[in-house]
Amino acid sequence: MVSTSEFRNGLVMLLDGDLYTIVEFQHVKPGKGGAFVRTRIKNVKTGRVLDKTFRSGDKVEDVRLETKVFQFLYKSDQDYTFMDSKTYDQVTLTEDVVGDGHIYIKENLEVEIVYHGDTPIGVNIPNFVDLKIVKTDPGLKGDTVSGATKPATVESGAVIQVPLFLSEGTVIKVDTRTGIYVERVK
């Protein structure tokens, strides 16, 4: 159990049967009445963000999550199969568990799977991944300064806005948190 005085960003708690993580919190001591803690919490499974207020001294059940490194093997329909590089155990997760980052996952990419007990509840993919452009309009010679962009489909299936001078076969670095092109790798 964790008291409100021990709240910190990133703390995972069990609240009403669901797992929530604290995004931000603020201790408030009004001139009249008791102190309280105003929090913004995010549901770990659904990603929904809520504002919740706790009275000072309230206790909530904290949860320990474990992460394990896995390698992505393949996708089959809506299922993603990962392998533990140490034990060679395979885990198949649905697209809901993998989350929004599924569009940046390519074969052999190492990811962290987050476990609550023995149940996988999410996947953390790297902040930056290198992806090869497989389809885009031809680049225009000399169009490197204008700042204009064009859509490009990368090997994972995601569509990224890239500068006009990039062509098919080019490997680019993509920020998976924002989906934005960062730089050309090769």
C-alpha atoms as a PDB file:
ATOM      1  CA  MET A   1       0.000   0.000   0.000  1.00  0.00           C
ATOM      2  CA  VAL A   2       1.200   3.489  -0.864  1.00  0.00           C
ATOM      3  CA  SER A   3       0.128   6.697   0.847  1.00  0.00           C
ATOM      4  CA  THR A   4      -0.604   9.884  -1.123  1.00  0.00           C
ATOM      5  CA  SER A   5       2.576  11.396   0.331  1.00  0.00           C
ATOM      6  CA  GLU A   6       4.567   8.751  -1.586  1.00  0.00           C
ATOM      7  CA  PHE A   7       2.992   9.480  -4.992  1.00  0.00           C
ATOM      8  CA  ARG A   8       5.449  10.001  -7.848  1.00  0.00           C
ATOM      9  CA  ASN A   9       5.210  10.131 -11.628  1.00  0.00           C
ATOM     10  CA  GLY A  10       5.206   6.638 -13.135  1.00  0.00           C
ATOM     11  CA  LEU A  11       3.816   4.910 -10.032  1.00  0.00           C
ATOM     12  CA  VAL A  12       1.490   2.062 -11.057  1.00  0.00           C
ATOM     13  CA  MET A  13      -1.528   1.430  -8.820  1.00  0.00           C
ATOM     14  CA  LEU A  14      -4.546  -0.832  -8.725  1.00  0.00           C
ATOM     15  CA  LEU A  15      -7.721   1.237  -8.619  1.00  0.00           C
ATOM     16  CA  ASP A  16     -11.257  -0.147  -9.066  1.00  0.00           C
ATOM     17  CA  GLY A  17      -9.841  -3.376 -10.520  1.00  0.00           C
ATOM     18  CA  ASP A  18      -7.795  -1.624 -13.241  1.00  0.00           C
ATOM     19  CA  LEU A  19      -4.130  -0.694 -13.450  1.00  0.00           C
ATOM     20  CA  TYR A  20      -3.335   3.027 -13.609  1.00  0.00           C
ATOM     21  CA  THR A  21      -0.073   4.919 -13.795  1.00  0.00           C
ATOM     22  CA  ILE A  22       0.387   8.444 -12.437  1.00  0.00           C
ATOM     23  CA  VAL A  23       1.111  10.895 -15.246  1.00  0.00           C
ATOM     24  CA  GLU A  24       1.259  13.939 -12.975  1.00  0.00           C
ATOM     25  CA  PHE A  25       0.213  14.880  -9.462  1.00  0.00           C
ATOM     26  CA  GLN A  26      -0.033  17.957  -7.244  1.00  0.00           C
ATOM     27  CA  HIS A  27      -0.317  18.238  -3.466  1.00  0.00           C
ATOM     28  CA  VAL A  28      -2.859  20.952  -2.586  1.00  0.00           C
ATOM     29  CA  LYS A  29      -3.310  22.509   0.843  1.00  0.00           C
ATOM     30  CA  PRO A  30      -6.221  24.933   0.728  1.00  0.00           C
ATOM     31  CA  GLY A  31      -6.602  27.605   3.380  1.00  0.00           C
ATOM     32  CA  LYS A  32      -9.764  25.977   4.627  1.00  0.00           C
ATOM     33  CA  GLY A  33     -10.339  22.223   4.862  1.00  0.00           C
ATOM     34  CA  GLY A  34      -8.041  19.247   4.570  1.00  0.00           C
ATOM     35  CA  ALA A  35      -5.171  18.779   2.169  1.00  0.00           C
ATOM     36  CA  PHE A  36      -5.641  16.646  -0.937  1.00  0.00           C
ATOM     37  CA  VAL A  37      -3.715  15.326  -3.928  1.00  0.00           C
ATOM     38  CA  ARG A  38      -4.922  16.106  -7.447  1.00  0.00           C
ATOM     39  CA  THR A  39      -3.689  13.515  -9.966  1.00  0.00           C
ATOM     40  CA  ARG A  40      -3.881  12.749 -13.642  1.00  0.00           C
ATOM     41  CA  ILE A  41      -3.786   8.970 -14.085  1.00  0.00           C
ATOM     42  CA  LYS A  42      -3.628   6.831 -17.225  1.00  0.00           C
ATOM     43  CA  ASN A  43      -5.235   3.414 -17.610  1.00  0.00           C
ATOM     44  CA  VAL A  44      -2.399   1.020 -18.498  1.00  0.00           C
ATOM     45  CA  LYS A  45      -4.529  -1.186 -20.766  1.00  0.00           C
ATOM     46  CA  THR A  46      -6.783   1.316 -22.539  1.00  0.00           C
ATOM     47  CA  GLY A  47      -4.601   4.435 -22.399  1.00  0.00           C
ATOM     48  CA  ARG A  48      -7.540   6.541 -21.172  1.00  0.00           C
ATOM     49  CA  VAL A  49      -6.492   9.489 -18.984  1.00  0.00           C
ATOM     50  CA  LEU A  50      -8.547  10.493 -15.925  1.00  0.00           C
ATOM     51  CA  ASP A  51      -8.348  13.275 -13.358  1.00  0.00           C
ATOM     52  CA  LYS A  52      -8.746  11.888  -9.828  1.00  0.00           C
ATOM     53  CA  THR A  53      -8.496  13.553  -6.439  1.00  0.00           C
ATOM     54  CA  PHE A  54      -7.314  11.727  -3.313  1.00  0.00           C
ATOM     55  CA  ARG A  55      -7.592  12.987   0.271  1.00  0.00           C
ATOM     56  CA  SER A  56      -4.302  13.421   2.050  1.00  0.00           C
ATOM     57  CA  GLY A  57      -3.387  10.158   3.786  1.00  0.00           C
ATOM     58  CA  ASP A  58      -5.450   7.916   1.472  1.00  0.00           C
ATOM     59  CA  LYS A  59      -3.769   4.657   0.610  1.00  0.00           C
ATOM     60  CA  VAL A  60      -3.818   2.809  -2.709  1.00  0.00           C
ATOM     61  CA  GLU A  61      -2.389  -0.549  -3.689  1.00  0.00           C
ATOM     62  CA  ASP A  62       0.809  -0.172  -5.682  1.00  0.00           C
ATOM     63  CA  VAL A  63       1.664  -2.727  -8.335  1.00  0.00           C
ATOM     64  CA  ARG A  64       5.045  -3.980  -9.439  1.00  0.00           C
ATOM     65  CA  LEU A  65       5.350  -4.494 -13.168  1.00  0.00           C
ATOM     66  CA  GLU A  66       8.096  -6.572 -14.741  1.00  0.00           C
ATOM     67  CA  THR A  67       9.577  -6.031 -18.196  1.00  0.00           C
ATOM     68  CA  LYS A  68      11.258  -8.698 -20.302  1.00  0.00           C
ATOM     69  CA  VAL A  69      13.124  -8.240 -23.572  1.00  0.00           C
ATOM     70  CA  PHE A  70      11.628 -10.120 -26.521  1.00  0.00           C
ATOM     71  CA  GLN A  71      12.338 -10.252 -30.230  1.00  0.00           C
ATOM     72  CA  PHE A  72       9.490  -9.826 -32.730  1.00  0.00           C
ATOM     73  CA  LEU A  73       9.145 -12.860 -35.004  1.00  0.00           C
ATOM     74  CA  TYR A  74       6.050 -12.473 -37.189  1.00  0.00           C
ATOM     75  CA  LYS A  75       2.482 -11.189 -37.505  1.00  0.00           C
ATOM     76  CA  SER A  76      -0.468 -13.461 -38.232  1.00  0.00           C
ATOM     77  CA  ASP A  77      -3.833 -11.736 -38.780  1.00  0.00           C
ATOM     78  CA  GLN A  78      -4.213  -9.573 -35.634  1.00  0.00           C
ATOM     79  CA  ASP A  79      -1.699 -11.562 -33.553  1.00  0.00           C
ATOM     80  CA  TYR A  80       1.959 -10.717 -32.990  1.00  0.00           C
ATOM     81  CA  THR A  81       4.444 -13.434 -31.993  1.00  0.00           C
ATOM     82  CA  PHE A  82       7.522 -12.603 -29.913  1.00  0.00           C
ATOM     83  CA  MET A  83      10.393 -14.770 -28.664  1.00  0.00           C
ATOM     84  CA  ASP A  84      12.413 -14.467 -25.456  1.00  0.00           C
ATOM     85  CA  SER A  85      16.041 -14.383 -26.654  1.00  0.00           C
ATOM     86  CA  LYS A  86      17.297 -16.124 -23.500  1.00  0.00           C
ATOM     87  CA  THR A  87      14.793 -18.954 -23.025  1.00  0.00           C
ATOM     88  CA  TYR A  88      13.400 -19.137 -26.602  1.00  0.00           C
ATOM     89  CA  ASP A  89       9.860 -19.098 -25.179  1.00  0.00           C
ATOM     90  CA  GLN A  90       7.308 -17.642 -27.583  1.00  0.00           C
ATOM     91  CA  VAL A  91       4.462 -15.304 -26.670  1.00  0.00           C
ATOM     92  CA  THR A  92       1.582 -14.384 -28.977  1.00  0.00           C
ATOM     93  CA  LEU A  93      -0.165 -11.078 -28.238  1.00  0.00           C
ATOM     94  CA  THR A  94      -3.171  -9.395 -29.793  1.00  0.00           C
ATOM     95  CA  GLU A  95      -2.978  -5.985 -31.448  1.00  0.00           C
ATOM     96  CA  ASP A  96      -4.811  -4.482 -28.437  1.00  0.00           C
ATOM     97  CA  VAL A  97      -2.014  -5.551 -26.072  1.00  0.00           C
ATOM     98  CA  VAL A  98       0.744  -4.467 -28.478  1.00  0.00           C
ATOM     99  CA  GLY A  99      -0.791  -0.989 -28.699  1.00  0.00           C
ATOM    100  CA  ASP A 100      -0.462   1.830 -31.204  1.00  0.00           C
ATOM    101  CA  GLY A 101       3.226   1.143 -31.800  1.00  0.00           C
ATOM    102  CA  HIS A 102       2.387  -1.986 -33.799  1.00  0.00           C
ATOM    103  CA  ILE A 103       2.764  -0.030 -37.052  1.00  0.00           C
ATOM    104  CA  TYR A 104       6.508   0.412 -36.400  1.00  0.00           C
ATOM    105  CA  ILE A 105       7.320  -3.194 -35.496  1.00  0.00           C
ATOM    106  CA  LYS A 106       9.438  -5.102 -38.012  1.00  0.00           C
ATOM    107  CA  GLU A 107      10.980  -8.576 -37.917  1.00  0.00           C
ATOM    108  CA  ASN A 108      13.800  -9.107 -35.389  1.00  0.00           C
ATOM    109  CA  LEU A 109      13.065  -5.828 -33.559  1.00  0.00           C
ATOM    110  CA  GLU A 110      13.755  -6.115 -29.829  1.00  0.00           C
ATOM    111  CA  VAL A 111      10.936  -4.830 -27.611  1.00  0.00           C
ATOM    112  CA  GLU A 112      10.067  -4.908 -23.920  1.00  0.00           C
ATOM    113  CA  ILE A 113       6.906  -6.755 -22.918  1.00  0.00           C
ATOM    114  CA  VAL A 114       5.385  -5.472 -19.674  1.00  0.00           C
ATOM    115  CA  TYR A 115       4.011  -8.141 -17.331  1.00  0.00           C
ATOM    116  CA  HIS A 116       1.637  -7.875 -14.378  1.00  0.00           C
ATOM    117  CA  GLY A 117       2.262 -11.199 -12.684  1.00  0.00           C
ATOM    118  CA  ASP A 118       2.175 -13.734 -15.526  1.00  0.00           C
ATOM    119  CA  THR A 119      -0.094 -11.647 -17.755  1.00  0.00           C
ATOM    120  CA  PRO A 120       1.393  -9.492 -20.537  1.00  0.00           C
ATOM    121  CA  ILE A 121      -0.314  -6.088 -20.456  1.00  0.00           C
ATOM    122  CA  GLY A 122       1.668  -4.027 -22.948  1.00  0.00           C
ATOM    123  CA  VAL A 123       4.639  -3.656 -25.253  1.00  0.00           C
ATOM    124  CA  ASN A 124       7.278  -0.914 -25.109  1.00  0.00           C
ATOM    125  CA  ILE A 125       8.929  -0.429 -28.478  1.00  0.00           C
ATOM    126  CA  PRO A 126      12.154   1.580 -28.873  1.00  0.00           C
ATOM    127  CA  ASN A 127      11.761   5.360 -29.223  1.00  0.00           C
ATOM    128  CA  PHE A 128      13.557   5.268 -32.581  1.00  0.00           C
ATOM    129  CA  VAL A 129      13.514   2.549 -35.245  1.00  0.00           C
ATOM    130  CA  ASP A 130      15.269   2.271 -38.603  1.00  0.00           C
ATOM    131  CA  LEU A 131      12.826   1.415 -41.387  1.00  0.00           C
ATOM    132  CA  LYS A 132      13.315   0.987 -45.134  1.00  0.00           C
ATOM    133  CA  ILE A 133      11.116   2.936 -47.555  1.00  0.00           C
ATOM    134  CA  VAL A 134       9.335   0.419 -49.789  1.00  0.00           C
ATOM    135  CA  LYS A 135       6.989   2.739 -51.707  1.00  0.00           C
ATOM    136  CA  THR A 136       7.075   6.454 -52.452  1.00  0.00           C
ATOM    137  CA  ASP A 137       6.903   8.834 -55.399  1.00  0.00           C
ATOM    138  CA  PRO A 138      10.219   9.502 -57.150  1.00  0.00           C
ATOM    139  CA  GLY A 139      12.397  12.192 -55.593  1.00  0.00           C
ATOM    140  CA  LEU A 140      13.050  15.451 -57.352  1.00  0.00           C
ATOM    141  CA  LYS A 141      16.636  16.495 -57.940  1.00  0.00           C
ATOM    142  CA  GLY A 142      17.535  19.723 -56.155  1.00  0.00           C
ATOM    143  CA  ASP A 143      14.476  19.690 -53.878  1.00  0.00           C
ATOM    144  CA  THR A 144      16.359  19.449 -50.596  1.00  0.00           C
ATOM    145  CA  VAL A 145      15.839  22.871 -49.056  1.00  0.00           C
ATOM    146  CA  SER A 146      12.151  23.589 -49.600  1.00  0.00           C
ATOM    147  CA  GLY A 147      10.978  21.601 -46.556  1.00  0.00           C
ATOM    148  CA  ALA A 148       8.132  20.000 -48.492  1.00  0.00           C
ATOM    149  CA  THR A 149       7.234  16.404 -47.697  1.00  0.00           C
ATOM    150  CA  LYS A 150       5.606  13.433 -49.373  1.00  0.00           C
ATOM    151  CA  PRO A 151       4.068  10.203 -48.009  1.00  0.00           C
ATOM    152  CA  ALA A 152       6.265   7.105 -47.948  1.00  0.00           C
ATOM    153  CA  THR A 153       5.293   3.560 -46.997  1.00  0.00           C
ATOM    154  CA  VAL A 154       7.953   1.818 -44.897  1.00  0.00           C
ATOM    155  CA  GLU A 155       8.638  -1.910 -44.502  1.00  0.00           C
ATOM    156  CA  SER A 156       6.423  -2.207 -41.413  1.00  0.00           C
ATOM    157  CA  GLY A 157       3.430  -0.840 -43.350  1.00  0.00           C
ATOM    158  CA  ALA A 158       3.336   2.597 -41.699  1.00  0.00           C
ATOM    159  CA  VAL A 159       2.995   5.714 -43.847  1.00  0.00           C
ATOM    160  CA  ILE A 160       5.468   8.450 -42.861  1.00  0.00           C
ATOM    161  CA  GLN A 161       5.863  11.990 -44.220  1.00  0.00           C
ATOM    162  CA  VAL A 162       9.425  12.291 -45.585  1.00  0.00           C
ATOM    163  CA  PRO A 163      11.392  14.971 -47.480  1.00  0.00           C
ATOM    164  CA  LEU A 164      10.974  15.013 -51.271  1.00  0.00           C
ATOM    165  CA  PHE A 165      14.552  13.902 -52.021  1.00  0.00           C
ATOM    166  CA  LEU A 166      14.183  10.454 -50.385  1.00  0.00           C
ATOM    167  CA  SER A 167      13.534   7.482 -52.647  1.00  0.00           C
ATOM    168  CA  GLU A 168      12.575   3.803 -52.362  1.00  0.00           C
ATOM    169  CA  GLY A 169      15.215   1.622 -50.697  1.00  0.00           C
ATOM    170  CA  THR A 170      16.412   4.402 -48.392  1.00  0.00           C
ATOM    171  CA  VAL A 171      16.600   3.523 -44.692  1.00  0.00           C
ATOM    172  CA  ILE A 172      15.246   6.237 -42.384  1.00  0.00           C
ATOM    173  CA  LYS A 173      15.048   6.739 -38.624  1.00  0.00           C
ATOM    174  CA  VAL A 174      11.506   7.256 -37.303  1.00  0.00           C
ATOM    175  CA  ASP A 175      10.449   8.529 -33.870  1.00  0.00           C
ATOM    176  CA  THR A 176       7.852   5.953 -32.761  1.00  0.00           C
ATOM    177  CA  ARG A 177       6.329   8.293 -30.164  1.00  0.00           C
ATOM    178  CA  THR A 178       5.307  10.867 -32.781  1.00  0.00           C
ATOM    179  CA  GLY A 179       5.548   8.991 -36.097  1.00  0.00           C
ATOM    180  CA  ILE A 180       7.839  11.671 -37.522  1.00  0.00           C
ATOM    181  CA  TYR A 181      10.817  11.183 -39.830  1.00  0.00           C
ATOM    182  CA  VAL A 182      14.063  12.024 -37.987  1.00  0.00           C
ATOM    183  CA  GLU A 183      16.932  11.418 -40.398  1.00  0.00           C
ATOM    184  CA  ARG A 184      18.233   9.345 -43.272  1.00  0.00           C
ATOM    185  CA  VAL A 185      20.335   6.401 -42.073  1.00  0.00           C
ATOM    186  CA  LYS A 186      21.576   5.029 -45.436  1.00  0.00           C
END
